[in-house]
N, C-alpha and C. Protein backbone atom coordinates (compact mmCIF):
# COMPACT_ATOMS: atom_id res chain seq x y z
N UNK A 1 91.69 95.45 74.73
CA UNK A 1 90.14 94.71 74.63
C UNK A 1 90.47 94.94 72.78
N UNK A 2 90.48 96.56 72.72
CA UNK A 2 90.88 97.51 70.93
C UNK A 2 91.95 96.76 70.44
N UNK A 3 92.81 96.31 70.89
CA UNK A 3 94.49 95.40 70.65
C UNK A 3 93.42 94.33 69.55
N UNK A 4 92.87 93.19 70.36
CA UNK A 4 92.13 92.24 70.05
C UNK A 4 91.04 92.62 68.98
N UNK A 5 90.69 93.20 69.25
CA UNK A 5 89.13 93.79 68.05
C UNK A 5 90.09 93.85 66.34
N UNK A 6 91.23 94.55 66.88
CA UNK A 6 92.03 95.17 65.31
C UNK A 6 92.32 94.23 64.95
N UNK A 7 93.07 93.13 65.75
CA UNK A 7 93.53 92.05 64.89
C UNK A 7 92.84 91.26 64.17
N UNK A 8 91.91 91.16 64.97
CA UNK A 8 90.50 90.20 64.32
C UNK A 8 89.81 90.64 62.84
N UNK A 9 89.99 92.05 63.03
CA UNK A 9 89.91 92.77 62.21
C UNK A 9 90.74 92.52 60.49
N UNK A 10 92.16 93.00 61.37
CA UNK A 10 93.52 92.85 60.20
C UNK A 10 93.35 91.23 59.58
N UNK A 11 93.00 90.33 60.36
CA UNK A 11 93.53 88.99 59.98
C UNK A 11 92.13 88.85 59.01
N UNK A 12 91.65 88.93 59.76
CA UNK A 12 89.89 88.27 58.64
C UNK A 12 89.04 89.00 58.03
N UNK A 13 88.92 89.88 58.36
CA UNK A 13 88.10 91.43 58.20
C UNK A 13 88.16 91.80 56.68
N UNK A 14 89.30 92.13 56.12
CA UNK A 14 89.53 92.45 54.99
C UNK A 14 88.92 91.09 53.79
N UNK A 15 89.32 89.92 54.27
CA UNK A 15 88.41 88.43 53.12
C UNK A 15 87.22 88.53 53.38
N UNK A 16 86.82 88.95 54.40
CA UNK A 16 85.16 88.77 54.62
C UNK A 16 84.62 90.12 53.70
N UNK A 17 85.63 91.24 54.39
CA UNK A 17 84.27 92.05 53.33
C UNK A 17 83.89 92.48 52.18
N UNK A 18 85.18 92.46 51.77
CA UNK A 18 85.39 92.04 50.27
C UNK A 18 84.89 91.18 49.46
N UNK A 19 84.38 90.26 49.80
CA UNK A 19 83.83 89.20 49.33
C UNK A 19 82.34 89.12 49.17
N UNK A 20 81.35 88.26 48.37
CA UNK A 20 80.37 87.87 48.01
C UNK A 20 80.15 86.76 49.59
N UNK A 21 78.62 85.74 49.63
CA UNK A 21 78.69 85.10 50.37
C UNK A 21 79.40 83.25 49.61
N UNK A 22 78.55 84.22 48.32
CA UNK A 22 79.28 82.64 47.02
C UNK A 22 80.77 82.70 47.34
N UNK A 23 81.70 83.96 46.86
CA UNK A 23 82.93 83.45 47.57
C UNK A 23 83.39 82.75 48.75
N UNK A 24 83.10 83.19 49.55
CA UNK A 24 83.41 83.15 50.69
C UNK A 24 82.87 81.56 51.07
N UNK A 25 81.85 80.81 50.97
CA UNK A 25 81.76 79.13 50.58
C UNK A 25 82.38 78.25 49.56
N UNK A 26 82.72 79.21 48.64
CA UNK A 26 83.81 78.70 47.95
C UNK A 26 85.36 78.84 48.23
N UNK A 27 85.34 79.95 48.94
CA UNK A 27 86.99 79.45 48.86
C UNK A 27 87.25 79.70 50.45
N UNK A 28 86.77 79.84 51.27
CA UNK A 28 86.86 79.41 52.66
C UNK A 28 86.02 78.35 53.60
N UNK A 29 85.31 77.90 52.93
CA UNK A 29 84.47 76.59 53.61
C UNK A 29 84.09 75.80 53.15
N UNK A 30 84.12 75.51 51.88
CA UNK A 30 84.40 74.41 51.07
C UNK A 30 85.63 73.85 51.26
N UNK A 31 86.28 72.57 51.64
CA UNK A 31 87.56 72.26 51.46
C UNK A 31 87.89 72.15 50.26
N UNK A 32 89.53 72.92 50.28
CA UNK A 32 89.95 73.42 48.86
C UNK A 32 91.85 73.23 49.15
N UNK A 33 92.58 72.44 48.72
CA UNK A 33 93.84 72.76 49.20
C UNK A 33 94.53 73.70 48.41
N UNK A 34 94.22 74.99 48.37
CA UNK A 34 94.92 76.05 47.65
C UNK A 34 95.88 76.43 48.94
N UNK A 35 96.78 77.27 48.53
CA UNK A 35 97.35 78.21 49.68
C UNK A 35 96.52 79.29 50.40
N UNK A 36 95.50 79.84 48.95
CA UNK A 36 95.11 80.44 50.04
C UNK A 36 94.25 80.05 50.89
N UNK A 37 93.22 79.20 50.63
CA UNK A 37 92.76 78.51 51.84
C UNK A 37 92.94 77.90 52.92
N UNK A 38 94.18 77.30 52.91
CA UNK A 38 95.24 77.17 53.97
C UNK A 38 95.76 78.71 54.75
N UNK A 39 95.98 79.82 54.01
CA UNK A 39 96.45 80.96 54.19
C UNK A 39 95.62 81.19 55.33
N UNK A 40 93.82 81.20 55.04
CA UNK A 40 92.50 81.91 55.53
C UNK A 40 92.74 81.39 56.83
N UNK A 41 92.27 80.15 56.68
CA UNK A 41 92.19 79.36 58.22
C UNK A 41 93.14 79.05 59.01
N UNK A 42 94.59 79.97 58.64
CA UNK A 42 95.22 79.58 59.75
C UNK A 42 95.37 81.14 60.51
N UNK A 43 95.00 81.98 59.33
CA UNK A 43 94.51 83.54 60.28
C UNK A 43 93.33 83.43 60.62
N UNK A 44 92.41 82.81 60.13
CA UNK A 44 90.89 82.29 61.14
C UNK A 44 91.62 81.66 62.67
N UNK A 45 92.28 81.15 62.73
CA UNK A 45 92.51 80.14 64.24
C UNK A 45 92.85 81.70 64.79
N UNK A 46 94.04 82.09 64.26
CA UNK A 46 94.79 83.36 64.93
C UNK A 46 93.49 84.59 65.54
N UNK A 47 92.50 84.56 64.45
CA UNK A 47 91.56 85.56 65.25
C UNK A 47 90.23 85.16 66.16
N UNK A 48 90.52 83.88 65.91
CA UNK A 48 89.98 82.59 67.01
C UNK A 48 90.37 83.19 68.47
N UNK A 49 91.43 83.39 68.73
CA UNK A 49 92.21 83.36 69.55
C UNK A 49 91.44 84.97 70.27
N UNK A 50 92.28 85.82 69.49
CA UNK A 50 91.84 87.18 69.67
C UNK A 50 90.41 87.68 69.58
N UNK A 51 89.73 86.82 69.27
CA UNK A 51 88.28 86.87 69.76
C UNK A 51 88.07 86.41 70.95
N UNK A 52 88.58 85.40 71.62
CA UNK A 52 88.57 84.94 72.86
C UNK A 52 89.22 85.53 74.13
N UNK A 53 90.30 86.14 73.07
CA UNK A 53 91.33 87.26 74.75
C UNK A 53 90.52 88.35 74.84
N UNK A 54 89.98 88.60 73.55
CA UNK A 54 89.02 90.30 73.47
C UNK A 54 87.88 90.01 74.59
N UNK A 55 86.86 89.30 74.39
CA UNK A 55 86.44 88.51 75.56
C UNK A 55 86.60 88.60 76.70
N UNK A 56 87.44 88.24 77.54
CA UNK A 56 88.23 87.43 78.43
C UNK A 56 88.69 88.70 79.25
N UNK A 57 88.96 89.86 78.02
CA UNK A 57 89.77 91.14 78.76
C UNK A 57 88.14 92.14 79.35
N UNK A 58 87.11 91.66 78.04
CA UNK A 58 85.92 92.45 78.88
C UNK A 58 85.41 92.22 80.32
N UNK A 59 85.54 90.51 80.09
CA UNK A 59 85.29 90.08 81.29
C UNK A 59 85.57 90.20 82.55
N UNK A 60 87.67 90.52 82.39
CA UNK A 60 88.11 90.81 83.29
C UNK A 60 87.97 92.21 84.02
N UNK A 61 87.07 92.97 82.87
CA UNK A 61 87.48 94.40 83.57
C UNK A 61 86.00 94.81 84.51
N UNK A 62 85.60 93.61 84.37
CA UNK A 62 84.13 93.56 85.45
C UNK A 62 85.02 93.08 87.13
N UNK A 63 85.82 92.25 87.08
CA UNK A 63 86.49 91.75 88.12
C UNK A 63 87.45 93.25 88.82
N UNK A 64 88.19 93.76 87.68
CA UNK A 64 89.13 94.96 87.95
C UNK A 64 88.03 96.32 88.96
N UNK A 65 86.57 96.06 87.86
CA UNK A 65 85.75 97.75 88.67
C UNK A 65 85.28 96.69 90.38
N UNK A 66 85.55 95.60 90.22
CA UNK A 66 85.24 94.89 91.89
C UNK A 66 86.06 95.67 92.79
N UNK A 67 87.84 95.57 92.62
CA UNK A 67 88.79 95.59 93.17
C UNK A 67 88.52 97.26 93.55
N UNK A 68 88.24 98.32 92.31
CA UNK A 68 88.29 99.31 92.63
C UNK A 68 87.49 100.10 93.86
N UNK A 69 86.19 99.49 93.33
CA UNK A 69 85.08 99.89 94.39
C UNK A 69 85.45 99.22 95.84
N UNK A 70 86.14 98.33 95.75
CA UNK A 70 86.07 97.55 97.20
C UNK A 70 87.31 98.33 98.16
N UNK A 71 88.79 98.61 97.45
CA UNK A 71 89.26 99.66 97.86
C UNK A 71 89.11 100.96 97.87
N UNK A 72 88.61 101.77 97.18
CA UNK A 72 88.11 103.18 96.94
C UNK A 72 87.23 103.34 98.28
N UNK A 73 85.90 102.10 98.51
CA UNK A 73 84.99 102.52 99.82
C UNK A 73 85.33 101.84 100.67
N UNK A 74 87.23 101.27 101.03
CA UNK A 74 87.68 101.40 102.05
C UNK A 74 86.89 100.09 102.81
N UNK A 75 86.77 99.07 102.03
CA UNK A 75 85.83 97.66 102.58
C UNK A 75 87.24 97.43 103.17
N UNK A 76 86.64 96.11 104.28
CA UNK A 76 87.84 95.38 104.84
C UNK A 76 87.19 94.05 104.87
N UNK A 77 86.12 93.66 104.74
CA UNK A 77 85.21 92.47 105.01
C UNK A 77 85.93 90.91 104.21
N UNK A 78 86.52 91.07 103.06
CA UNK A 78 86.44 90.11 102.48
C UNK A 78 87.78 89.65 102.28
N UNK A 79 88.40 88.24 101.85
CA UNK A 79 89.65 88.33 101.70
C UNK A 79 90.02 88.52 100.64
N UNK A 80 91.39 88.94 100.14
CA UNK A 80 91.67 89.84 99.10
C UNK A 80 91.25 88.60 97.68
N UNK A 81 91.90 87.35 97.60
CA UNK A 81 91.13 86.04 96.95
C UNK A 81 89.60 86.52 96.70
N UNK A 82 88.57 86.46 97.62
CA UNK A 82 87.40 86.71 97.52
C UNK A 82 86.57 88.10 96.93
N UNK A 83 87.51 88.86 96.56
CA UNK A 83 87.25 90.26 96.24
C UNK A 83 86.84 89.62 94.77
N UNK A 84 85.57 90.50 94.32
CA UNK A 84 84.66 90.31 93.37
C UNK A 84 84.05 91.22 92.79
N UNK A 85 83.76 91.48 91.63
CA UNK A 85 82.45 92.30 91.88
C UNK A 85 81.24 91.96 91.75
N UNK A 86 80.66 90.89 92.25
CA UNK A 86 79.96 90.43 93.16
C UNK A 86 79.91 90.19 94.18
N UNK A 87 81.13 89.94 95.02
CA UNK A 87 80.68 89.90 96.48
C UNK A 87 80.81 91.76 96.49
N UNK A 88 81.49 92.15 95.86
CA UNK A 88 81.52 94.05 96.24
C UNK A 88 80.01 94.23 96.34
N UNK A 89 79.21 93.94 95.17
CA UNK A 89 78.10 94.66 94.85
C UNK A 89 77.32 94.44 96.42
N UNK A 90 77.78 92.93 96.73
CA UNK A 90 76.29 93.01 97.83
C UNK A 90 76.87 93.86 99.03
N UNK A 91 78.28 94.43 99.33
CA UNK A 91 78.43 95.00 100.45
C UNK A 91 78.32 96.44 100.02
N UNK A 92 77.70 96.82 98.91
CA UNK A 92 77.43 98.32 98.92
C UNK A 92 76.35 98.69 99.65
N UNK A 93 75.87 100.30 100.04
CA UNK A 93 74.76 100.35 100.25
C UNK A 93 74.10 100.70 99.21
N UNK A 94 72.65 101.04 99.47
CA UNK A 94 71.75 100.90 98.54
C UNK A 94 72.00 102.37 97.38
N UNK A 95 71.79 102.66 96.45
CA UNK A 95 71.72 104.16 96.10
C UNK A 95 72.36 103.66 94.31
N UNK A 96 73.31 104.70 93.68
CA UNK A 96 72.79 105.04 92.18
C UNK A 96 74.50 104.21 92.27
N UNK A 97 75.75 103.85 92.80
CA UNK A 97 76.87 102.94 92.84
C UNK A 97 76.09 101.47 92.57
N UNK A 98 74.98 101.24 93.45
CA UNK A 98 74.93 99.79 93.26
C UNK A 98 74.07 99.29 92.48
N UNK A 99 72.83 100.64 92.51
CA UNK A 99 72.36 100.54 91.34
C UNK A 99 72.85 100.30 89.36
N UNK A 100 74.19 101.29 89.41
CA UNK A 100 75.53 101.39 88.31
C UNK A 100 75.91 99.56 88.40
N UNK A 101 76.12 99.12 89.26
CA UNK A 101 76.94 97.88 89.20
C UNK A 101 75.69 96.79 88.81
N UNK A 102 74.96 97.12 89.42
CA UNK A 102 73.46 96.13 89.06
C UNK A 102 73.01 96.32 87.38
N UNK A 103 73.09 97.26 87.10
CA UNK A 103 72.72 97.37 85.78
C UNK A 103 73.79 96.91 84.83
N UNK A 104 75.08 96.72 85.27
CA UNK A 104 76.26 95.86 84.37
C UNK A 104 75.53 95.08 84.64
N UNK A 105 75.45 94.07 85.72
CA UNK A 105 74.88 92.68 85.77
C UNK A 105 74.05 92.07 84.88
N UNK A 106 72.84 93.06 84.81
CA UNK A 106 72.05 92.58 84.17
C UNK A 106 71.86 92.99 82.08
N UNK A 107 73.06 93.40 81.56
CA UNK A 107 73.48 93.73 80.35
C UNK A 107 73.02 92.50 79.51
N UNK A 108 72.31 92.12 78.52
CA UNK A 108 72.46 90.95 78.21
C UNK A 108 73.66 90.67 77.65
N UNK A 109 73.96 91.39 76.84
CA UNK A 109 75.50 91.48 75.78
C UNK A 109 76.56 91.01 77.11
N UNK A 110 76.90 91.24 78.19
CA UNK A 110 77.58 90.89 79.16
C UNK A 110 77.09 89.73 79.83
N UNK A 111 76.12 89.54 79.66
CA UNK A 111 75.74 88.12 80.43
C UNK A 111 76.35 87.15 79.68
N UNK A 112 76.05 87.26 78.14
CA UNK A 112 76.67 86.12 77.00
C UNK A 112 78.36 86.34 77.30
N UNK A 113 78.66 87.42 77.36
CA UNK A 113 80.18 87.94 77.45
C UNK A 113 80.63 86.66 78.53
N UNK A 114 80.40 86.56 80.06
CA UNK A 114 80.18 85.66 81.20
C UNK A 114 80.56 84.30 80.73
N UNK A 115 78.63 83.67 80.07
CA UNK A 115 78.41 82.73 79.53
C UNK A 115 80.09 82.60 78.50
N UNK A 116 80.58 82.78 77.34
CA UNK A 116 80.85 82.29 76.71
C UNK A 116 82.31 82.09 77.60
N UNK A 117 82.90 83.35 78.16
CA UNK A 117 84.58 83.19 78.91
C UNK A 117 84.31 81.91 79.81
N UNK A 118 83.06 81.99 80.92
CA UNK A 118 83.09 80.89 81.59
C UNK A 118 82.90 79.76 81.11
N UNK A 119 82.43 79.34 79.88
CA UNK A 119 82.63 77.86 79.34
C UNK A 119 83.83 77.64 78.57
N UNK A 120 84.56 78.64 78.16
CA UNK A 120 85.35 78.63 77.13
C UNK A 120 86.69 78.00 78.44
N UNK A 121 86.21 78.74 79.99
CA UNK A 121 87.71 78.30 80.59
C UNK A 121 87.54 77.08 81.08
N UNK A 122 86.47 76.67 81.59
CA UNK A 122 86.08 75.25 82.55
C UNK A 122 85.62 74.01 81.79
N UNK A 123 84.97 74.84 80.39
CA UNK A 123 84.68 73.27 79.93
C UNK A 123 85.25 73.13 78.38
N UNK A 124 85.13 73.62 77.64
CA UNK A 124 85.82 73.45 76.24
C UNK A 124 85.20 74.88 75.12
N UNK A 125 86.61 75.57 75.01
CA UNK A 125 86.72 76.33 73.49
C UNK A 125 85.43 76.77 73.29
N UNK A 126 85.07 77.61 73.03
CA UNK A 126 83.66 78.26 72.28
C UNK A 126 83.88 78.44 70.74
N UNK A 127 83.88 77.76 70.12
CA UNK A 127 84.88 78.43 68.69
C UNK A 127 83.84 79.35 67.71
N UNK A 128 84.54 79.49 66.60
CA UNK A 128 83.92 80.66 66.24
C UNK A 128 84.27 80.60 64.46
N UNK A 129 83.77 79.23 64.03
CA UNK A 129 83.87 78.85 62.88
C UNK A 129 83.79 80.06 61.50
N UNK A 130 83.95 79.93 60.23
CA UNK A 130 83.24 80.38 59.67
C UNK A 130 81.97 79.93 58.73
N UNK A 131 81.24 80.99 58.75
CA UNK A 131 79.71 80.86 58.32
C UNK A 131 79.10 81.10 57.33
N UNK A 132 78.50 81.03 56.57
CA UNK A 132 77.34 81.59 55.45
C UNK A 132 75.90 81.65 55.76
N UNK A 133 75.75 82.60 55.85
CA UNK A 133 73.78 82.60 55.76
C UNK A 133 72.85 83.04 54.46
N UNK A 134 72.15 82.43 53.96
CA UNK A 134 71.52 82.76 52.40
C UNK A 134 70.50 83.67 53.08
N UNK A 135 70.02 83.58 54.54
CA UNK A 135 68.57 83.93 54.70
C UNK A 135 68.90 85.63 55.89
N UNK A 136 69.90 85.82 56.08
CA UNK A 136 70.52 87.18 56.86
C UNK A 136 71.11 87.93 56.48
N UNK A 137 70.10 89.17 55.78
CA UNK A 137 70.65 89.93 55.35
C UNK A 137 71.64 91.06 55.73
N UNK A 138 71.58 91.12 57.07
CA UNK A 138 72.41 92.55 58.07
C UNK A 138 73.95 91.57 57.91
N UNK A 139 73.42 89.99 58.09
CA UNK A 139 75.37 89.74 57.85
C UNK A 139 75.32 88.58 57.16
N UNK A 140 75.81 88.47 56.10
CA UNK A 140 75.24 87.59 55.00
C UNK A 140 76.72 86.44 55.37
N UNK A 141 77.61 86.83 56.04
CA UNK A 141 78.76 86.15 56.57
C UNK A 141 79.46 86.05 57.30
N UNK A 142 80.11 85.55 57.82
CA UNK A 142 81.75 85.89 59.04
C UNK A 142 81.85 84.95 59.79
N UNK A 143 82.66 85.35 60.82
CA UNK A 143 82.94 84.34 61.89
C UNK A 143 81.70 84.65 62.78
N UNK A 144 81.07 83.45 63.49
CA UNK A 144 79.97 83.40 64.32
C UNK A 144 80.13 82.04 65.59
N UNK A 145 80.02 82.69 66.35
CA UNK A 145 80.32 81.87 67.71
C UNK A 145 78.98 80.97 67.53
N UNK A 146 79.63 79.64 68.06
CA UNK A 146 78.68 78.47 68.15
C UNK A 146 77.98 78.57 69.05
N UNK A 147 76.75 77.93 68.67
CA UNK A 147 75.81 77.86 70.04
C UNK A 147 76.30 76.76 71.74
N UNK A 148 75.69 77.14 72.63
CA UNK A 148 76.71 76.14 73.69
C UNK A 148 75.80 76.38 74.91
N UNK A 149 75.77 75.42 75.78
CA UNK A 149 74.97 75.11 76.89
C UNK A 149 75.87 75.78 77.92
N UNK A 150 75.03 76.77 78.66
CA UNK A 150 76.26 76.78 80.20
C UNK A 150 75.12 77.10 80.97
N UNK A 151 75.55 76.57 82.71
CA UNK A 151 74.40 77.21 83.54
C UNK A 151 73.04 76.76 83.36
N UNK A 152 72.79 75.48 82.52
CA UNK A 152 71.48 74.75 82.40
C UNK A 152 70.66 76.38 81.39
N UNK A 153 71.61 77.31 80.40
CA UNK A 153 70.63 77.75 79.74
C UNK A 153 71.46 77.71 78.46
N UNK A 154 70.85 77.49 77.25
CA UNK A 154 71.08 77.54 75.74
C UNK A 154 71.82 79.01 75.76
N UNK A 155 72.61 79.13 75.17
CA UNK A 155 73.62 80.24 74.36
C UNK A 155 72.99 80.10 72.86
N UNK A 156 72.32 81.05 72.37
CA UNK A 156 73.02 80.90 70.85
C UNK A 156 74.09 80.93 69.81
N UNK A 157 73.84 80.56 68.80
CA UNK A 157 74.89 81.18 67.91
C UNK A 157 75.01 82.89 67.51
N UNK A 158 76.43 83.56 67.66
CA UNK A 158 76.06 85.15 67.06
C UNK A 158 77.26 85.39 66.40
N UNK A 159 76.79 86.01 65.83
CA UNK A 159 78.31 86.92 64.45
C UNK A 159 78.99 87.32 65.94
N UNK A 160 80.14 86.88 65.52
CA UNK A 160 81.65 87.40 66.34
C UNK A 160 81.77 89.04 65.97
N UNK A 161 82.35 89.47 64.66
CA UNK A 161 81.91 90.85 64.83
C UNK A 161 81.66 91.98 64.95
N UNK A 162 80.49 91.74 64.60
CA UNK A 162 79.11 92.68 65.62
C UNK A 162 79.17 92.38 67.29
N UNK A 163 78.98 91.41 67.42
CA UNK A 163 79.08 91.54 68.50
C UNK A 163 80.26 91.70 70.23
N UNK A 164 81.43 92.00 68.95
CA UNK A 164 82.70 92.56 69.70
C UNK A 164 82.29 94.18 70.01
N UNK A 165 81.95 94.93 68.91
CA UNK A 165 81.42 95.94 68.60
C UNK A 165 80.61 96.10 70.04
N UNK A 166 79.39 96.16 70.08
CA UNK A 166 78.27 95.66 71.56
C UNK A 166 78.46 95.54 72.65
N UNK A 167 79.56 94.44 72.84
CA UNK A 167 80.29 93.78 74.25
C UNK A 167 81.14 95.25 74.65
N UNK A 168 81.91 95.90 73.47
CA UNK A 168 82.94 96.43 74.16
C UNK A 168 82.21 97.91 74.70
N UNK A 169 81.24 98.43 73.51
CA UNK A 169 80.45 99.61 74.25
C UNK A 169 79.76 99.29 75.48
N UNK A 170 79.27 98.46 75.49
CA UNK A 170 78.32 97.89 76.68
C UNK A 170 79.40 97.97 78.27
N UNK A 171 80.45 96.91 78.22
CA UNK A 171 81.44 97.33 78.93
C UNK A 171 81.82 99.02 79.13
N UNK A 172 82.27 99.72 77.94
CA UNK A 172 82.53 100.74 78.14
C UNK A 172 81.73 101.49 79.01
N UNK A 173 80.63 101.84 78.67
CA UNK A 173 79.59 102.75 79.08
C UNK A 173 79.60 101.99 80.85
N UNK A 174 79.22 100.69 81.03
CA UNK A 174 79.02 100.55 82.61
C UNK A 174 80.62 101.26 83.07
N UNK A 175 81.50 100.80 82.72
CA UNK A 175 82.71 101.57 83.44
C UNK A 175 82.65 102.87 83.80
N UNK A 176 82.06 103.51 82.76
CA UNK A 176 81.84 104.90 82.69
C UNK A 176 81.17 105.53 83.84
N UNK A 177 80.09 104.81 83.84
CA UNK A 177 78.68 105.34 84.42
C UNK A 177 79.56 104.89 86.10
N UNK A 178 79.42 103.48 86.35
CA UNK A 178 80.36 103.04 87.57
C UNK A 178 81.08 103.96 87.87
N UNK A 179 82.29 104.39 87.23
CA UNK A 179 83.40 105.33 88.01
C UNK A 179 82.48 106.33 88.13
N UNK A 180 82.10 107.39 87.46
CA UNK A 180 80.92 108.16 88.27
C UNK A 180 80.14 108.23 89.34
N UNK A 181 79.63 107.56 89.19
CA UNK A 181 78.79 107.20 90.24
C UNK A 181 79.55 106.47 91.78
N UNK A 182 80.65 106.18 91.87
CA UNK A 182 81.80 105.82 92.60
C UNK A 182 82.46 107.14 93.22
N UNK A 183 83.01 108.31 92.01
CA UNK A 183 83.41 109.18 91.97
C UNK A 183 82.31 109.78 93.06
N UNK A 184 80.74 110.59 92.78
CA UNK A 184 79.66 110.96 93.67
C UNK A 184 79.75 110.27 95.11
N UNK A 185 79.85 109.21 95.09
CA UNK A 185 79.72 108.50 96.38
C UNK A 185 80.75 108.58 96.93
N UNK A 186 82.17 108.86 96.92
CA UNK A 186 83.03 108.97 97.73
C UNK A 186 83.12 110.67 97.85
N UNK A 187 82.41 111.39 96.99
CA UNK A 187 82.38 112.89 97.26
C UNK A 187 81.78 113.40 98.33
N UNK A 188 80.29 112.27 98.81
CA UNK A 188 79.56 112.85 99.65
C UNK A 188 79.81 112.49 100.91
């Protein structure tokens, strides 16, 4: 995950952090037949691939946790291809471990990750084009995930790079809490 995050920042971060919104609009959004424009858009395409790879890693971490819990708890009710965090959570007895897994399911950022990854995997890739906002103070420009419909729920646009940070922090926190709860459950 960190590799893909760093790649996004390396590929487009400096161009976007060092420019004001007018420069971004003129140099990177309005079509221009300059080497700088084409170079940026080539790097932006690579950055989008790394954004999606990052989010797929976050999403895959949940499934990996499902396997860790399943085998650590010595469960044997599921066929190997049916082991997922959702299936494993249903097998868990009530208690702190089950509650921590449920807290991960309830995390709004991770729900958005799941929707975006599944939409991109099964329907069409959710892009993150360059965007400029003249009304948002905290994020005036950058890569922004497009809005999309998944499972009959509208998922709004989100600024990509700040979202990478919050989703990484979310999965990392849940991973640690679930691991600690699993350790306590096994020690009991």
